[in-house]
PDB file of N, CA and C in Angstrom:
ATOM      1  N   MET A   1      -2.820  10.838  19.099  1.00  0.00           N
ATOM      2  CA  MET A   1      -1.540  10.781  18.421  1.00  0.00           C
ATOM      3  C   MET A   1      -1.367  12.061  17.607  1.00  0.00           C
ATOM      4  N   ALA A   2      -0.242  12.699  17.740  1.00  0.00           N
ATOM      5  CA  ALA A   2       0.020  13.964  17.058  1.00  0.00           C
ATOM      6  C   ALA A   2       0.427  13.723  15.601  1.00  0.00           C
ATOM      7  N   PRO A   3       0.076  14.651  14.711  1.00  0.00           N
ATOM      8  CA  PRO A   3       0.505  14.504  13.319  1.00  0.00           C
ATOM      9  C   PRO A   3       2.017  14.661  13.182  1.00  0.00           C
ATOM     10  N   ILE A   4       2.554  14.099  12.128  1.00  0.00           N
ATOM     11  CA  ILE A   4       3.990  14.156  11.883  1.00  0.00           C
ATOM     12  C   ILE A   4       4.308  15.483  11.209  1.00  0.00           C
ATOM     13  N   ASP A   5       5.206  16.273  11.817  1.00  0.00           N
ATOM     14  CA  ASP A   5       5.562  17.582  11.268  1.00  0.00           C
ATOM     15  C   ASP A   5       6.791  17.536  10.376  1.00  0.00           C
ATOM     16  N   ASP A   6       7.700  16.607  10.639  1.00  0.00           N
ATOM     17  CA  ASP A   6       8.944  16.517   9.868  1.00  0.00           C
ATOM     18  C   ASP A   6       8.645  15.965   8.467  1.00  0.00           C
ATOM     19  N   PRO A   7       8.996  16.709   7.392  1.00  0.00           N
ATOM     20  CA  PRO A   7       8.669  16.242   6.039  1.00  0.00           C
ATOM     21  C   PRO A   7       9.369  14.941   5.642  1.00  0.00           C
ATOM     22  N   VAL A   8      10.561  14.699   6.156  1.00  0.00           N
ATOM     23  CA  VAL A   8      11.274  13.459   5.821  1.00  0.00           C
ATOM     24  C   VAL A   8      10.558  12.263   6.444  1.00  0.00           C
ATOM     25  N   LYS A   9      10.184  12.403   7.715  1.00  0.00           N
ATOM     26  CA  LYS A   9       9.466  11.312   8.389  1.00  0.00           C
ATOM     27  C   LYS A   9       8.088  11.100   7.766  1.00  0.00           C
ATOM     28  N   ARG A  10       7.453  12.199   7.328  1.00  0.00           N
ATOM     29  CA  ARG A  10       6.151  12.092   6.678  1.00  0.00           C
ATOM     30  C   ARG A  10       6.262  11.300   5.376  1.00  0.00           C
ATOM     31  N   LYS A  11       7.332  11.545   4.606  1.00  0.00           N
ATOM     32  CA  LYS A  11       7.542  10.828   3.348  1.00  0.00           C
ATOM     33  C   LYS A  11       7.776   9.336   3.597  1.00  0.00           C
ATOM     34  N   ILE A  12       8.556   9.021   4.631  1.00  0.00           N
ATOM     35  CA  ILE A  12       8.814   7.621   4.987  1.00  0.00           C
ATOM     36  C   ILE A  12       7.515   6.929   5.412  1.00  0.00           C
ATOM     37  N   ALA A  13       6.729   7.606   6.252  1.00  0.00           N
ATOM     38  CA  ALA A  13       5.469   7.022   6.723  1.00  0.00           C
ATOM     39  C   ALA A  13       4.506   6.810   5.575  1.00  0.00           C
ATOM     40  N   ARG A  14       4.429   7.788   4.668  1.00  0.00           N
ATOM     41  CA  ARG A  14       3.534   7.669   3.511  1.00  0.00           C
ATOM     42  C   ARG A  14       3.932   6.474   2.650  1.00  0.00           C
ATOM     43  N   TYR A  15       5.229   6.292   2.432  1.00  0.00           N
ATOM     44  CA  TYR A  15       5.697   5.174   1.618  1.00  0.00           C
ATOM     45  C   TYR A  15       5.286   3.844   2.251  1.00  0.00           C
ATOM     46  N   HIS A  16       5.513   3.693   3.553  1.00  0.00           N
ATOM     47  CA  HIS A  16       5.237   2.417   4.210  1.00  0.00           C
ATOM     48  C   HIS A  16       3.745   2.143   4.363  1.00  0.00           C
ATOM     49  N   LEU A  17       2.917   3.186   4.426  1.00  0.00           N
ATOM     50  CA  LEU A  17       1.486   2.982   4.597  1.00  0.00           C
ATOM     51  C   LEU A  17       0.734   2.865   3.277  1.00  0.00           C
ATOM     52  N   LEU A  18       1.144   3.610   2.256  1.00  0.00           N
ATOM     53  CA  LEU A  18       0.323   3.728   1.057  1.00  0.00           C
ATOM     54  C   LEU A  18       0.908   3.109  -0.204  1.00  0.00           C
ATOM     55  N   GLU A  19       2.196   2.876  -0.268  1.00  0.00           N
ATOM     56  CA  GLU A  19       2.810   2.332  -1.484  1.00  0.00           C
ATOM     57  C   GLU A  19       2.731   0.808  -1.468  1.00  0.00           C
ATOM     58  N   LYS A  20       1.533   0.274  -1.763  1.00  0.00           N
ATOM     59  CA  LYS A  20       1.328  -1.168  -1.751  1.00  0.00           C
ATOM     60  C   LYS A  20       0.394  -1.561  -2.892  1.00  0.00           C
ATOM     61  N   SER A  21       0.406  -2.832  -3.221  1.00  0.00           N
ATOM     62  CA  SER A  21      -0.548  -3.391  -4.169  1.00  0.00           C
ATOM     63  C   SER A  21      -1.540  -4.235  -3.388  1.00  0.00           C
ATOM     64  N   VAL A  22      -2.793  -4.261  -3.847  1.00  0.00           N
ATOM     65  CA  VAL A  22      -3.834  -5.044  -3.201  1.00  0.00           C
ATOM     66  C   VAL A  22      -4.331  -6.087  -4.195  1.00  0.00           C
ATOM     67  N   CYS A  23      -4.430  -7.316  -3.735  1.00  0.00           N
ATOM     68  CA  CYS A  23      -4.936  -8.396  -4.580  1.00  0.00           C
ATOM     69  C   CYS A  23      -6.443  -8.251  -4.717  1.00  0.00           C
ATOM     70  N   ARG A  24      -6.939  -8.317  -5.956  1.00  0.00           N
ATOM     71  CA  ARG A  24      -8.377  -8.202  -6.182  1.00  0.00           C
ATOM     72  C   ARG A  24      -9.111  -9.496  -5.834  1.00  0.00           C
ATOM     73  N   ARG A  25      -8.393 -10.580  -5.719  1.00  0.00           N
ATOM     74  CA  ARG A  25      -9.035 -11.861  -5.455  1.00  0.00           C
ATOM     75  C   ARG A  25      -9.175 -12.132  -3.955  1.00  0.00           C
ATOM     76  N   CYS A  26      -8.091 -11.905  -3.183  1.00  0.00           N
ATOM     77  CA  CYS A  26      -8.152 -12.238  -1.751  1.00  0.00           C
ATOM     78  C   CYS A  26      -7.961 -11.032  -0.841  1.00  0.00           C
ATOM     79  N   GLY A  27      -7.550  -9.870  -1.379  1.00  0.00           N
ATOM     80  CA  GLY A  27      -7.424  -8.665  -0.563  1.00  0.00           C
ATOM     81  C   GLY A  27      -6.108  -8.519   0.175  1.00  0.00           C
ATOM     82  N   ALA A  28      -5.143  -9.374  -0.086  1.00  0.00           N
ATOM     83  CA  ALA A  28      -3.859  -9.306   0.608  1.00  0.00           C
ATOM     84  C   ALA A  28      -3.048  -8.099   0.138  1.00  0.00           C
ATOM     85  N   LEU A  29      -2.274  -7.518   1.057  1.00  0.00           N
ATOM     86  CA  LEU A  29      -1.367  -6.428   0.708  1.00  0.00           C
ATOM     87  C   LEU A  29      -0.047  -7.014   0.237  1.00  0.00           C
ATOM     88  N   ASN A  30       0.469  -6.458  -0.853  1.00  0.00           N
ATOM     89  CA  ASN A  30       1.703  -6.923  -1.464  1.00  0.00           C
ATOM     90  C   ASN A  30       2.611  -5.730  -1.715  1.00  0.00           C
ATOM     91  N   PRO A  31       3.908  -5.958  -1.937  1.00  0.00           N
ATOM     92  CA  PRO A  31       4.793  -4.857  -2.318  1.00  0.00           C
ATOM     93  C   PRO A  31       4.338  -4.243  -3.640  1.00  0.00           C
ATOM     94  N   ILE A  32       4.658  -2.979  -3.846  1.00  0.00           N
ATOM     95  CA  ILE A  32       4.201  -2.260  -5.035  1.00  0.00           C
ATOM     96  C   ILE A  32       4.774  -2.882  -6.316  1.00  0.00           C
ATOM     97  N   LYS A  33       5.935  -3.501  -6.254  1.00  0.00           N
ATOM     98  CA  LYS A  33       6.571  -4.094  -7.432  1.00  0.00           C
ATOM     99  C   LYS A  33       6.175  -5.552  -7.662  1.00  0.00           C
ATOM    100  N   ALA A  34       5.282  -6.080  -6.842  1.00  0.00           N
ATOM    101  CA  ALA A  34       4.888  -7.485  -6.977  1.00  0.00           C
ATOM    102  C   ALA A  34       4.167  -7.724  -8.294  1.00  0.00           C
ATOM    103  N   THR A  35       4.388  -8.899  -8.880  1.00  0.00           N
ATOM    104  CA  THR A  35       3.690  -9.268 -10.108  1.00  0.00           C
ATOM    105  C   THR A  35       2.584 -10.273  -9.826  1.00  0.00           C
ATOM    106  N   LYS A  36       2.661 -10.973  -8.691  1.00  0.00           N
ATOM    107  CA  LYS A  36       1.600 -11.879  -8.295  1.00  0.00           C
ATOM    108  C   LYS A  36       1.437 -11.841  -6.782  1.00  0.00           C
ATOM    109  N   CYS A  37       0.275 -12.252  -6.312  1.00  0.00           N
ATOM    110  CA  CYS A  37      -0.078 -12.181  -4.900  1.00  0.00           C
ATOM    111  C   CYS A  37       0.752 -13.164  -4.078  1.00  0.00           C
ATOM    112  N   ARG A  38       1.148 -12.727  -2.895  1.00  0.00           N
ATOM    113  CA  ARG A  38       1.943 -13.577  -2.011  1.00  0.00           C
ATOM    114  C   ARG A  38       1.095 -14.661  -1.364  1.00  0.00           C
ATOM    115  N   ARG A  39      -0.217 -14.452  -1.284  1.00  0.00           N
ATOM    116  CA  ARG A  39      -1.086 -15.400  -0.598  1.00  0.00           C
ATOM    117  C   ARG A  39      -1.758 -16.393  -1.553  1.00  0.00           C
ATOM    118  N   CYS A  40      -2.397 -15.875  -2.609  1.00  0.00           N
ATOM    119  CA  CYS A  40      -3.161 -16.771  -3.497  1.00  0.00           C
ATOM    120  C   CYS A  40      -2.524 -16.929  -4.876  1.00  0.00           C
ATOM    121  N   HIS A  41      -1.415 -16.232  -5.135  1.00  0.00           N
ATOM    122  CA  HIS A  41      -0.639 -16.311  -6.375  1.00  0.00           C
ATOM    123  C   HIS A  41      -1.400 -15.810  -7.604  1.00  0.00           C
ATOM    124  N   SER A  42      -2.444 -15.018  -7.389  1.00  0.00           N
ATOM    125  CA  SER A  42      -3.180 -14.421  -8.497  1.00  0.00           C
ATOM    126  C   SER A  42      -2.356 -13.273  -9.081  1.00  0.00           C
ATOM    127  N   LYS A  43      -2.522 -13.003 -10.366  1.00  0.00           N
ATOM    128  CA  LYS A  43      -1.804 -11.898 -11.009  1.00  0.00           C
ATOM    129  C   LYS A  43      -2.677 -10.651 -11.134  1.00  0.00           C
ATOM    130  N   ASP A  44      -3.863 -10.688 -10.538  1.00  0.00           N
ATOM    131  CA  ASP A  44      -4.809  -9.573 -10.605  1.00  0.00           C
ATOM    132  C   ASP A  44      -4.586  -8.635  -9.417  1.00  0.00           C
ATOM    133  N   LEU A  45      -3.615  -7.708  -9.549  1.00  0.00           N
ATOM    134  CA  LEU A  45      -3.282  -6.766  -8.484  1.00  0.00           C
ATOM    135  C   LEU A  45      -3.651  -5.348  -8.912  1.00  0.00           C
ATOM    136  N   ARG A  46      -3.955  -4.512  -7.930  1.00  0.00           N
ATOM    137  CA  ARG A  46      -4.213  -3.096  -8.176  1.00  0.00           C
ATOM    138  C   ARG A  46      -3.430  -2.286  -7.152  1.00  0.00           C
ATOM    139  N   PRO A  47      -3.078  -1.029  -7.465  1.00  0.00           N
ATOM    140  CA  PRO A  47      -2.413  -0.195  -6.468  1.00  0.00           C
ATOM    141  C   PRO A  47      -3.390   0.207  -5.370  1.00  0.00           C
ATOM    142  N   LYS A  48      -2.901   0.344  -4.149  1.00  0.00           N
ATOM    143  CA  LYS A  48      -3.733   0.773  -3.036  1.00  0.00           C
ATOM    144  C   LYS A  48      -4.157   2.219  -3.253  1.00  0.00           C
ATOM    145  N   LYS A  49      -5.391   2.552  -2.869  1.00  0.00           N
ATOM    146  CA  LYS A  49      -5.869   3.932  -3.012  1.00  0.00           C
ATOM    147  C   LYS A  49      -5.046   4.853  -2.120  1.00  0.00           C
ATOM    148  N   ARG A  50      -4.673   6.009  -2.654  1.00  0.00           N
ATOM    149  CA  ARG A  50      -3.789   6.911  -1.930  1.00  0.00           C
ATOM    150  C   ARG A  50      -4.475   8.176  -1.456  1.00  0.00           C
ATOM    151  N   GLU A  51      -5.768   8.312  -1.715  1.00  0.00           N
ATOM    152  CA  GLU A  51      -6.474   9.504  -1.285  1.00  0.00           C
ATOM    153  C   GLU A  51      -7.109   9.260   0.083  1.00  0.00           C
ATOM    154  N   LEU A  52      -7.143  10.302   0.893  1.00  0.00           N
ATOM    155  CA  LEU A  52      -7.747  10.187   2.207  1.00  0.00           C
ATOM    156  C   LEU A  52      -9.260  10.125   2.069  1.00  0.00           C
ATOM    157  N   THR A  53      -9.891   9.243   2.844  1.00  0.00           N
ATOM    158  CA  THR A  53     -11.335   9.150   2.865  1.00  0.00           C
ATOM    159  C   THR A  53     -11.836   9.644   4.208  1.00  0.00           C
ATOM    160  N   LYS A  54     -12.975  10.275   4.213  1.00  0.00           N
ATOM    161  CA  LYS A  54     -13.524  10.816   5.465  1.00  0.00           C
ATOM    162  C   LYS A  54     -14.506   9.884   6.082  1.00  0.00           C
TER     163      LYS A  54
END
């Protein structure tokens, strides 16, 4: 798969892949503005890591 060269498409892809919250209790992905988990209803959320790992 080729990398995305268009900066607008890159920004859209980055938003949809990385702008999420992760529940610390069950690991579910939630919207970034969520206040509680969609799966287990816990309020212990953290932002998804945004740095690339090798």
